[in-house]
All heavy atoms as atom14 arrays in JSON, in Angstrom:
{
  "sequence": "GSIFSFSYMAWHRQASGKQRDLVAAISSGGSGGSTYYADSVKGRF",
  "atom14_mask": [
    [1, 1, 1, 1, 0, 0, 0, 0, 0, 0, 0, 0, 0, 0],
    [1, 1, 1, 1, 1, 1, 0, 0, 0, 0, 0, 0, 0, 0],
    [1, 1, 1, 1, 1, 1, 1, 1, 0, 0, 0, 0, 0, 0],
    [1, 1, 1, 1, 1, 1, 1, 1, 1, 1, 1, 0, 0, 0],
    [1, 1, 1, 1, 1, 1, 0, 0, 0, 0, 0, 0, 0, 0],
    [1, 1, 1, 1, 1, 1, 1, 1, 1, 1, 1, 0, 0, 0],
    [1, 1, 1, 1, 1, 1, 0, 0, 0, 0, 0, 0, 0, 0],
    [1, 1, 1, 1, 1, 1, 1, 1, 1, 1, 1, 1, 0, 0],
    [1, 1, 1, 1, 1, 1, 1, 1, 0, 0, 0, 0, 0, 0],
    [1, 1, 1, 1, 1, 0, 0, 0, 0, 0, 0, 0, 0, 0],
    [1, 1, 1, 1, 1, 1, 1, 1, 1, 1, 1, 1, 1, 1],
    [1, 1, 1, 1, 1, 1, 1, 1, 1, 1, 0, 0, 0, 0],
    [1, 1, 1, 1, 1, 1, 1, 1, 1, 1, 1, 0, 0, 0],
    [1, 1, 1, 1, 1, 1, 1, 1, 1, 0, 0, 0, 0, 0],
    [1, 1, 1, 1, 1, 0, 0, 0, 0, 0, 0, 0, 0, 0],
    [1, 1, 1, 1, 1, 1, 0, 0, 0, 0, 0, 0, 0, 0],
    [1, 1, 1, 1, 0, 0, 0, 0, 0, 0, 0, 0, 0, 0],
    [1, 1, 1, 1, 1, 1, 1, 1, 1, 0, 0, 0, 0, 0],
    [1, 1, 1, 1, 1, 1, 1, 1, 1, 0, 0, 0, 0, 0],
    [1, 1, 1, 1, 1, 1, 1, 1, 1, 1, 1, 0, 0, 0],
    [1, 1, 1, 1, 1, 1, 1, 1, 0, 0, 0, 0, 0, 0],
    [1, 1, 1, 1, 1, 1, 1, 1, 0, 0, 0, 0, 0, 0],
    [1, 1, 1, 1, 1, 1, 1, 0, 0, 0, 0, 0, 0, 0],
    [1, 1, 1, 1, 1, 0, 0, 0, 0, 0, 0, 0, 0, 0],
    [1, 1, 1, 1, 1, 0, 0, 0, 0, 0, 0, 0, 0, 0],
    [1, 1, 1, 1, 1, 1, 1, 1, 0, 0, 0, 0, 0, 0],
    [1, 1, 1, 1, 1, 1, 0, 0, 0, 0, 0, 0, 0, 0],
    [1, 1, 1, 1, 1, 1, 0, 0, 0, 0, 0, 0, 0, 0],
    [1, 1, 1, 1, 0, 0, 0, 0, 0, 0, 0, 0, 0, 0],
    [1, 1, 1, 1, 0, 0, 0, 0, 0, 0, 0, 0, 0, 0],
    [1, 1, 1, 1, 1, 1, 0, 0, 0, 0, 0, 0, 0, 0],
    [1, 1, 1, 1, 0, 0, 0, 0, 0, 0, 0, 0, 0, 0],
    [1, 1, 1, 1, 0, 0, 0, 0, 0, 0, 0, 0, 0, 0],
    [1, 1, 1, 1, 1, 1, 0, 0, 0, 0, 0, 0, 0, 0],
    [1, 1, 1, 1, 1, 1, 1, 0, 0, 0, 0, 0, 0, 0],
    [1, 1, 1, 1, 1, 1, 1, 1, 1, 1, 1, 1, 0, 0],
    [1, 1, 1, 1, 1, 1, 1, 1, 1, 1, 1, 1, 0, 0],
    [1, 1, 1, 1, 1, 0, 0, 0, 0, 0, 0, 0, 0, 0],
    [1, 1, 1, 1, 1, 1, 1, 1, 0, 0, 0, 0, 0, 0],
    [1, 1, 1, 1, 1, 1, 0, 0, 0, 0, 0, 0, 0, 0],
    [1, 1, 1, 1, 1, 1, 1, 0, 0, 0, 0, 0, 0, 0],
    [1, 1, 1, 1, 1, 1, 1, 1, 1, 0, 0, 0, 0, 0],
    [1, 1, 1, 1, 0, 0, 0, 0, 0, 0, 0, 0, 0, 0],
    [1, 1, 1, 1, 1, 1, 1, 1, 1, 1, 1, 0, 0, 0],
    [1, 1, 1, 1, 1, 1, 1, 1, 1, 1, 1, 0, 0, 0]
  ],
  "atom14_positions": [
    [[104.26, 68.41, 79.98], [104.7, 68.98, 81.25], [105.19, 67.94, 82.24], [106.05, 68.24, 83.06], [0.0, 0.0, 0.0], [0.0, 0.0, 0.0], [0.0, 0.0, 0.0], [0.0, 0.0, 0.0], [0.0, 0.0, 0.0], [0.0, 0.0, 0.0], [0.0, 0.0, 0.0], [0.0, 0.0, 0.0], [0.0, 0.0, 0.0], [0.0, 0.0, 0.0]],
    [[104.64, 66.75, 82.17], [105.08, 65.62, 82.97], [104.53, 64.36, 82.34], [103.71, 64.42, 81.42], [104.64, 65.76, 84.44], [103.23, 65.73, 84.54], [0.0, 0.0, 0.0], [0.0, 0.0, 0.0], [0.0, 0.0, 0.0], [0.0, 0.0, 0.0], [0.0, 0.0, 0.0], [0.0, 0.0, 0.0], [0.0, 0.0, 0.0], [0.0, 0.0, 0.0]],
    [[104.97, 63.23, 82.85], [104.49, 61.97, 82.31], [102.98, 61.86, 82.49], [102.43, 62.27, 83.52], [105.22, 60.76, 82.95], [104.87, 59.47, 82.22], [104.89, 60.68, 84.45], [105.74, 58.3, 82.61], [0.0, 0.0, 0.0], [0.0, 0.0, 0.0], [0.0, 0.0, 0.0], [0.0, 0.0, 0.0], [0.0, 0.0, 0.0], [0.0, 0.0, 0.0]],
    [[102.33, 61.32, 81.48], [100.88, 61.18, 81.5], [100.5, 59.92, 82.26], [100.74, 58.8, 81.78], [100.32, 61.15, 80.08], [98.83, 61.11, 80.02], [98.09, 62.22, 80.4], [98.16, 59.99, 79.57], [96.7, 62.2, 80.36], [96.78, 59.95, 79.51], [96.05, 61.06, 79.9], [0.0, 0.0, 0.0], [0.0, 0.0, 0.0], [0.0, 0.0, 0.0]],
    [[99.94, 60.13, 83.43], [99.43, 59.04, 84.24], [98.16, 59.54, 84.89], [98.17, 60.59, 85.54], [100.46, 58.63, 85.29], [99.95, 57.59, 86.1], [0.0, 0.0, 0.0], [0.0, 0.0, 0.0], [0.0, 0.0, 0.0], [0.0, 0.0, 0.0], [0.0, 0.0, 0.0], [0.0, 0.0, 0.0], [0.0, 0.0, 0.0], [0.0, 0.0, 0.0]],
    [[97.07, 58.83, 84.68], [95.79, 59.37, 85.1], [95.01, 58.39, 85.95], [95.15, 57.17, 85.81], [94.94, 59.79, 83.89], [94.43, 58.63, 83.07], [93.21, 58.05, 83.35], [95.17, 58.13, 82.01], [92.73, 56.99, 82.59], [94.69, 57.07, 81.24], [93.47, 56.5, 81.55], [0.0, 0.0, 0.0], [0.0, 0.0, 0.0], [0.0, 0.0, 0.0]],
    [[94.19, 58.96, 86.81], [93.15, 58.2, 87.49], [91.83, 58.31, 86.75], [91.01, 57.39, 86.79], [92.98, 58.71, 88.92], [94.16, 58.52, 89.67], [0.0, 0.0, 0.0], [0.0, 0.0, 0.0], [0.0, 0.0, 0.0], [0.0, 0.0, 0.0], [0.0, 0.0, 0.0], [0.0, 0.0, 0.0], [0.0, 0.0, 0.0], [0.0, 0.0, 0.0]],
    [[91.63, 59.44, 86.08], [90.37, 59.74, 85.43], [90.64, 60.72, 84.3], [91.37, 61.69, 84.49], [89.41, 60.35, 86.45], [88.1, 60.87, 85.93], [86.97, 60.07, 85.88], [87.99, 62.2, 85.51], [85.76, 60.56, 85.43], [86.78, 62.7, 85.05], [85.67, 61.88, 85.02], [84.47, 62.37, 84.56], [0.0, 0.0, 0.0], [0.0, 0.0, 0.0]],
    [[90.04, 60.48, 83.14], [90.12, 61.41, 82.03], [88.76, 61.46, 81.36], [88.11, 60.41, 81.2], [91.19, 60.99, 81.03], [91.37, 61.95, 79.86], [92.03, 63.57, 80.36], [93.72, 63.14, 80.68], [0.0, 0.0, 0.0], [0.0, 0.0, 0.0], [0.0, 0.0, 0.0], [0.0, 0.0, 0.0], [0.0, 0.0, 0.0], [0.0, 0.0, 0.0]],
    [[88.34, 62.65, 80.99], [87.0, 62.83, 80.45], [87.0, 63.82, 79.3], [87.87, 64.68, 79.19], [86.04, 63.3, 81.53], [0.0, 0.0, 0.0], [0.0, 0.0, 0.0], [0.0, 0.0, 0.0], [0.0, 0.0, 0.0], [0.0, 0.0, 0.0], [0.0, 0.0, 0.0], [0.0, 0.0, 0.0], [0.0, 0.0, 0.0], [0.0, 0.0, 0.0]],
    [[86.0, 63.67, 78.45], [85.67, 64.66, 77.44], [84.36, 65.33, 77.83], [83.38, 64.65, 78.16], [85.53, 64.03, 76.06], [86.83, 63.64, 75.44], [87.42, 62.41, 75.46], [87.7, 64.49, 74.69], [88.61, 62.43, 74.78], [88.8, 63.7, 74.29], [87.66, 65.83, 74.31], [89.85, 64.23, 73.53], [88.7, 66.34, 73.57], [89.78, 65.55, 73.19]],
    [[84.36, 66.65, 77.79], [83.17, 67.46, 78.0], [82.92, 68.29, 76.75], [83.83, 68.49, 75.93], [83.35, 68.41, 79.19], [83.5, 67.73, 80.51], [82.57, 67.89, 81.53], [84.46, 66.92, 81.0], [82.97, 67.2, 82.58], [84.11, 66.6, 82.28], [0.0, 0.0, 0.0], [0.0, 0.0, 0.0], [0.0, 0.0, 0.0], [0.0, 0.0, 0.0]],
    [[81.69, 68.77, 76.6], [81.41, 69.67, 75.5], [80.49, 70.79, 75.96], [79.69, 70.62, 76.88], [80.81, 68.95, 74.3], [79.42, 68.37, 74.52], [79.01, 67.54, 73.31], [77.67, 66.98, 73.45], [77.14, 66.12, 72.6], [77.83, 65.7, 71.55], [75.9, 65.66, 72.82], [0.0, 0.0, 0.0], [0.0, 0.0, 0.0], [0.0, 0.0, 0.0]],
    [[80.61, 71.93, 75.29], [79.82, 73.1, 75.62], [79.35, 73.75, 74.32], [80.15, 74.31, 73.57], [80.62, 74.09, 76.45], [79.82, 75.28, 76.94], [80.56, 76.07, 78.0], [81.78, 76.03, 78.07], [79.82, 76.8, 78.82], [0.0, 0.0, 0.0], [0.0, 0.0, 0.0], [0.0, 0.0, 0.0], [0.0, 0.0, 0.0], [0.0, 0.0, 0.0]],
    [[78.06, 73.65, 74.06], [77.46, 74.31, 72.92], [77.28, 75.79, 73.24], [77.2, 76.2, 74.4], [76.13, 73.67, 72.56], [0.0, 0.0, 0.0], [0.0, 0.0, 0.0], [0.0, 0.0, 0.0], [0.0, 0.0, 0.0], [0.0, 0.0, 0.0], [0.0, 0.0, 0.0], [0.0, 0.0, 0.0], [0.0, 0.0, 0.0], [0.0, 0.0, 0.0]],
    [[77.19, 76.6, 72.21], [77.05, 78.04, 72.38], [75.83, 78.36, 73.24], [74.72, 77.91, 72.96], [76.91, 78.72, 71.02], [76.81, 80.11, 71.15], [0.0, 0.0, 0.0], [0.0, 0.0, 0.0], [0.0, 0.0, 0.0], [0.0, 0.0, 0.0], [0.0, 0.0, 0.0], [0.0, 0.0, 0.0], [0.0, 0.0, 0.0], [0.0, 0.0, 0.0]],
    [[76.06, 79.11, 74.31], [74.98, 79.51, 75.2], [74.51, 78.45, 76.17], [73.54, 78.68, 76.9], [0.0, 0.0, 0.0], [0.0, 0.0, 0.0], [0.0, 0.0, 0.0], [0.0, 0.0, 0.0], [0.0, 0.0, 0.0], [0.0, 0.0, 0.0], [0.0, 0.0, 0.0], [0.0, 0.0, 0.0], [0.0, 0.0, 0.0], [0.0, 0.0, 0.0]],
    [[75.17, 77.3, 76.2], [74.76, 76.17, 77.04], [75.81, 75.85, 78.08], [76.95, 76.33, 78.03], [74.47, 74.94, 76.18], [73.42, 75.14, 75.11], [72.06, 75.41, 75.71], [71.0, 75.56, 74.62], [70.83, 74.31, 73.83], [0.0, 0.0, 0.0], [0.0, 0.0, 0.0], [0.0, 0.0, 0.0], [0.0, 0.0, 0.0], [0.0, 0.0, 0.0]],
    [[75.44, 75.02, 79.05], [76.36, 74.55, 80.07], [77.32, 73.52, 79.49], [77.05, 72.89, 78.47], [75.61, 73.93, 81.25], [74.74, 74.9, 82.0], [74.1, 74.29, 83.23], [73.32, 74.94, 83.9], [74.43, 73.05, 83.54], [0.0, 0.0, 0.0], [0.0, 0.0, 0.0], [0.0, 0.0, 0.0], [0.0, 0.0, 0.0], [0.0, 0.0, 0.0]],
    [[78.44, 73.36, 80.18], [79.41, 72.33, 79.81], [78.97, 71.0, 80.39], [78.75, 70.88, 81.6], [80.79, 72.71, 80.32], [81.91, 71.81, 79.82], [83.28, 72.32, 80.26], [83.56, 73.64, 79.73], [84.73, 74.27, 79.88], [85.72, 73.69, 80.52], [84.88, 75.48, 79.38], [0.0, 0.0, 0.0], [0.0, 0.0, 0.0], [0.0, 0.0, 0.0]],
    [[78.84, 69.98, 79.54], [78.32, 68.68, 79.93], [79.34, 67.58, 79.69], [80.13, 67.63, 78.74], [77.05, 68.34, 79.15], [75.88, 69.25, 79.49], [75.79, 69.69, 80.64], [75.05, 69.5, 78.59], [0.0, 0.0, 0.0], [0.0, 0.0, 0.0], [0.0, 0.0, 0.0], [0.0, 0.0, 0.0], [0.0, 0.0, 0.0], [0.0, 0.0, 0.0]],
    [[79.3, 66.58, 80.54], [80.15, 65.4, 80.39], [79.68, 64.56, 79.21], [78.49, 64.25, 79.08], [80.12, 64.57, 81.67], [80.88, 63.25, 81.66], [82.38, 63.49, 81.46], [80.62, 62.49, 82.96], [0.0, 0.0, 0.0], [0.0, 0.0, 0.0], [0.0, 0.0, 0.0], [0.0, 0.0, 0.0], [0.0, 0.0, 0.0], [0.0, 0.0, 0.0]],
    [[80.61, 64.17, 78.35], [80.33, 63.35, 77.18], [80.79, 61.91, 77.39], [80.04, 60.96, 77.14], [81.0, 63.93, 75.94], [80.82, 63.01, 74.73], [80.45, 65.32, 75.64], [0.0, 0.0, 0.0], [0.0, 0.0, 0.0], [0.0, 0.0, 0.0], [0.0, 0.0, 0.0], [0.0, 0.0, 0.0], [0.0, 0.0, 0.0], [0.0, 0.0, 0.0]],
    [[82.03, 61.73, 77.83], [82.61, 60.41, 78.0], [83.74, 60.49, 79.0], [84.36, 61.54, 79.16], [83.12, 59.85, 76.67], [0.0, 0.0, 0.0], [0.0, 0.0, 0.0], [0.0, 0.0, 0.0], [0.0, 0.0, 0.0], [0.0, 0.0, 0.0], [0.0, 0.0, 0.0], [0.0, 0.0, 0.0], [0.0, 0.0, 0.0], [0.0, 0.0, 0.0]],
    [[84.02, 59.38, 79.66], [85.09, 59.34, 80.65], [85.72, 57.97, 80.67], [85.07, 56.96, 80.33], [84.55, 59.7, 82.04], [0.0, 0.0, 0.0], [0.0, 0.0, 0.0], [0.0, 0.0, 0.0], [0.0, 0.0, 0.0], [0.0, 0.0, 0.0], [0.0, 0.0, 0.0], [0.0, 0.0, 0.0], [0.0, 0.0, 0.0], [0.0, 0.0, 0.0]],
    [[86.97, 57.93, 81.08], [87.69, 56.69, 81.24], [88.48, 56.78, 82.53], [89.08, 57.81, 82.83], [88.59, 56.38, 80.02], [89.23, 55.0, 80.13], [89.65, 57.47, 79.82], [89.85, 54.52, 78.81], [0.0, 0.0, 0.0], [0.0, 0.0, 0.0], [0.0, 0.0, 0.0], [0.0, 0.0, 0.0], [0.0, 0.0, 0.0], [0.0, 0.0, 0.0]],
    [[88.47, 55.7, 83.31], [89.17, 55.67, 84.59], [90.09, 54.47, 84.64], [89.93, 53.5, 83.88], [88.18, 55.64, 85.75], [87.43, 54.44, 85.75], [0.0, 0.0, 0.0], [0.0, 0.0, 0.0], [0.0, 0.0, 0.0], [0.0, 0.0, 0.0], [0.0, 0.0, 0.0], [0.0, 0.0, 0.0], [0.0, 0.0, 0.0], [0.0, 0.0, 0.0]],
    [[91.04, 54.53, 85.57], [92.04, 53.47, 85.7], [91.72, 52.49, 86.81], [92.5, 51.57, 87.06], [93.41, 54.08, 85.93], [93.43, 54.85, 87.12], [0.0, 0.0, 0.0], [0.0, 0.0, 0.0], [0.0, 0.0, 0.0], [0.0, 0.0, 0.0], [0.0, 0.0, 0.0], [0.0, 0.0, 0.0], [0.0, 0.0, 0.0], [0.0, 0.0, 0.0]],
    [[90.61, 52.68, 87.5], [90.27, 51.83, 88.61], [89.64, 50.52, 88.2], [89.39, 50.26, 87.02], [0.0, 0.0, 0.0], [0.0, 0.0, 0.0], [0.0, 0.0, 0.0], [0.0, 0.0, 0.0], [0.0, 0.0, 0.0], [0.0, 0.0, 0.0], [0.0, 0.0, 0.0], [0.0, 0.0, 0.0], [0.0, 0.0, 0.0], [0.0, 0.0, 0.0]],
    [[89.41, 49.69, 89.19], [88.69, 48.44, 88.98], [89.4, 47.46, 88.06], [90.62, 47.34, 88.08], [0.0, 0.0, 0.0], [0.0, 0.0, 0.0], [0.0, 0.0, 0.0], [0.0, 0.0, 0.0], [0.0, 0.0, 0.0], [0.0, 0.0, 0.0], [0.0, 0.0, 0.0], [0.0, 0.0, 0.0], [0.0, 0.0, 0.0], [0.0, 0.0, 0.0]],
    [[88.63, 46.79, 87.25], [89.12, 45.71, 86.39], [89.78, 46.26, 85.13], [89.25, 46.14, 84.02], [87.97, 44.77, 86.02], [86.92, 45.5, 85.39], [0.0, 0.0, 0.0], [0.0, 0.0, 0.0], [0.0, 0.0, 0.0], [0.0, 0.0, 0.0], [0.0, 0.0, 0.0], [0.0, 0.0, 0.0], [0.0, 0.0, 0.0], [0.0, 0.0, 0.0]],
    [[90.95, 46.87, 85.31], [91.69, 47.42, 84.19], [91.12, 48.7, 83.63], [91.44, 49.08, 82.51], [0.0, 0.0, 0.0], [0.0, 0.0, 0.0], [0.0, 0.0, 0.0], [0.0, 0.0, 0.0], [0.0, 0.0, 0.0], [0.0, 0.0, 0.0], [0.0, 0.0, 0.0], [0.0, 0.0, 0.0], [0.0, 0.0, 0.0], [0.0, 0.0, 0.0]],
    [[90.29, 49.37, 84.42], [89.69, 50.61, 83.97], [88.25, 50.42, 83.52], [87.78, 49.29, 83.32], [0.0, 0.0, 0.0], [0.0, 0.0, 0.0], [0.0, 0.0, 0.0], [0.0, 0.0, 0.0], [0.0, 0.0, 0.0], [0.0, 0.0, 0.0], [0.0, 0.0, 0.0], [0.0, 0.0, 0.0], [0.0, 0.0, 0.0], [0.0, 0.0, 0.0]],
    [[87.56, 51.54, 83.35], [86.17, 51.5, 82.91], [85.87, 52.77, 82.13], [86.62, 53.74, 82.19], [85.22, 51.36, 84.1], [85.36, 52.46, 84.99], [0.0, 0.0, 0.0], [0.0, 0.0, 0.0], [0.0, 0.0, 0.0], [0.0, 0.0, 0.0], [0.0, 0.0, 0.0], [0.0, 0.0, 0.0], [0.0, 0.0, 0.0], [0.0, 0.0, 0.0]],
    [[84.76, 52.74, 81.4], [84.35, 53.88, 80.6], [82.91, 54.26, 80.92], [82.12, 53.45, 81.4], [84.48, 53.6, 79.1], [83.71, 52.44, 78.76], [85.93, 53.36, 78.71], [0.0, 0.0, 0.0], [0.0, 0.0, 0.0], [0.0, 0.0, 0.0], [0.0, 0.0, 0.0], [0.0, 0.0, 0.0], [0.0, 0.0, 0.0], [0.0, 0.0, 0.0]],
    [[82.6, 55.5, 80.62], [81.26, 56.04, 80.79], [80.92, 56.87, 79.56], [81.78, 57.57, 79.01], [81.18, 56.92, 82.04], [79.94, 57.79, 82.07], [78.75, 57.29, 82.58], [79.96, 59.08, 81.57], [77.6, 58.07, 82.59], [78.82, 59.87, 81.58], [77.65, 59.35, 82.09], [76.52, 60.13, 82.09], [0.0, 0.0, 0.0], [0.0, 0.0, 0.0]],
    [[79.65, 56.81, 79.14], [79.17, 57.62, 78.04], [77.83, 58.24, 78.39], [76.97, 57.57, 78.97], [79.01, 56.8, 76.77], [80.31, 56.19, 76.28], [80.66, 54.89, 76.61], [81.19, 56.94, 75.51], [81.86, 54.34, 76.18], [82.39, 56.39, 75.08], [82.72, 55.11, 75.41], [83.9, 54.56, 74.98], [0.0, 0.0, 0.0], [0.0, 0.0, 0.0]],
    [[77.67, 59.49, 78.01], [76.36, 60.12, 78.11], [75.38, 59.4, 77.19], [75.76, 58.89, 76.13], [76.45, 61.6, 77.75], [0.0, 0.0, 0.0], [0.0, 0.0, 0.0], [0.0, 0.0, 0.0], [0.0, 0.0, 0.0], [0.0, 0.0, 0.0], [0.0, 0.0, 0.0], [0.0, 0.0, 0.0], [0.0, 0.0, 0.0], [0.0, 0.0, 0.0]],
    [[74.11, 59.38, 77.58], [73.1, 58.7, 76.77], [73.07, 59.22, 75.33], [72.83, 58.45, 74.39], [71.72, 58.86, 77.4], [71.54, 58.03, 78.66], [72.33, 57.1, 78.89], [70.6, 58.32, 79.41], [0.0, 0.0, 0.0], [0.0, 0.0, 0.0], [0.0, 0.0, 0.0], [0.0, 0.0, 0.0], [0.0, 0.0, 0.0], [0.0, 0.0, 0.0]],
    [[73.31, 60.5, 75.16], [73.22, 61.11, 73.85], [74.29, 60.63, 72.87], [74.14, 60.82, 71.66], [73.28, 62.64, 73.97], [74.48, 63.05, 74.58], [0.0, 0.0, 0.0], [0.0, 0.0, 0.0], [0.0, 0.0, 0.0], [0.0, 0.0, 0.0], [0.0, 0.0, 0.0], [0.0, 0.0, 0.0], [0.0, 0.0, 0.0], [0.0, 0.0, 0.0]],
    [[75.37, 60.03, 73.38], [76.46, 59.61, 72.51], [76.73, 58.12, 72.55], [77.59, 57.63, 71.81], [77.76, 60.38, 72.81], [77.51, 61.89, 72.78], [78.35, 59.96, 74.15], [0.0, 0.0, 0.0], [0.0, 0.0, 0.0], [0.0, 0.0, 0.0], [0.0, 0.0, 0.0], [0.0, 0.0, 0.0], [0.0, 0.0, 0.0], [0.0, 0.0, 0.0]],
    [[76.02, 57.37, 73.38], [76.22, 55.93, 73.47], [76.03, 55.28, 72.11], [75.08, 55.56, 71.4], [75.26, 55.31, 74.48], [75.65, 55.54, 75.92], [74.64, 54.88, 76.86], [75.03, 55.1, 78.31], [74.01, 54.56, 79.24], [0.0, 0.0, 0.0], [0.0, 0.0, 0.0], [0.0, 0.0, 0.0], [0.0, 0.0, 0.0], [0.0, 0.0, 0.0]],
    [[76.97, 54.4, 71.77], [76.91, 53.71, 70.49], [77.53, 54.47, 69.35], [77.73, 53.9, 68.26], [0.0, 0.0, 0.0], [0.0, 0.0, 0.0], [0.0, 0.0, 0.0], [0.0, 0.0, 0.0], [0.0, 0.0, 0.0], [0.0, 0.0, 0.0], [0.0, 0.0, 0.0], [0.0, 0.0, 0.0], [0.0, 0.0, 0.0], [0.0, 0.0, 0.0]],
    [[77.83, 55.75, 69.54], [78.41, 56.58, 68.49], [79.83, 57.04, 68.81], [80.64, 57.18, 67.91], [77.54, 57.82, 68.23], [76.13, 57.49, 67.79], [75.39, 58.75, 67.33], [75.26, 59.73, 68.41], [75.74, 60.97, 68.37], [76.39, 61.4, 67.3], [75.55, 61.8, 69.4], [0.0, 0.0, 0.0], [0.0, 0.0, 0.0], [0.0, 0.0, 0.0]],
    [[80.1, 57.32, 70.09], [81.4, 57.83, 70.51], [82.16, 56.76, 71.28], [81.55, 55.95, 71.99], [81.25, 59.05, 71.42], [80.74, 60.3, 70.76], [80.18, 60.29, 69.49], [80.83, 61.5, 71.43], [79.72, 61.45, 68.89], [80.37, 62.68, 70.85], [79.82, 62.65, 69.58], [0.0, 0.0, 0.0], [0.0, 0.0, 0.0], [0.0, 0.0, 0.0]]
  ]
}
């Protein structure tokens, strides 16, 4: 739809019957960007 340029992009997941939770995120700020991971996926995703 337009050129992809982001300040923030994230992956969320929603299991059946559960709330939608943040899994991982990447941002363009700071020192060339940064990442975040939920504790449940650190080291795997």
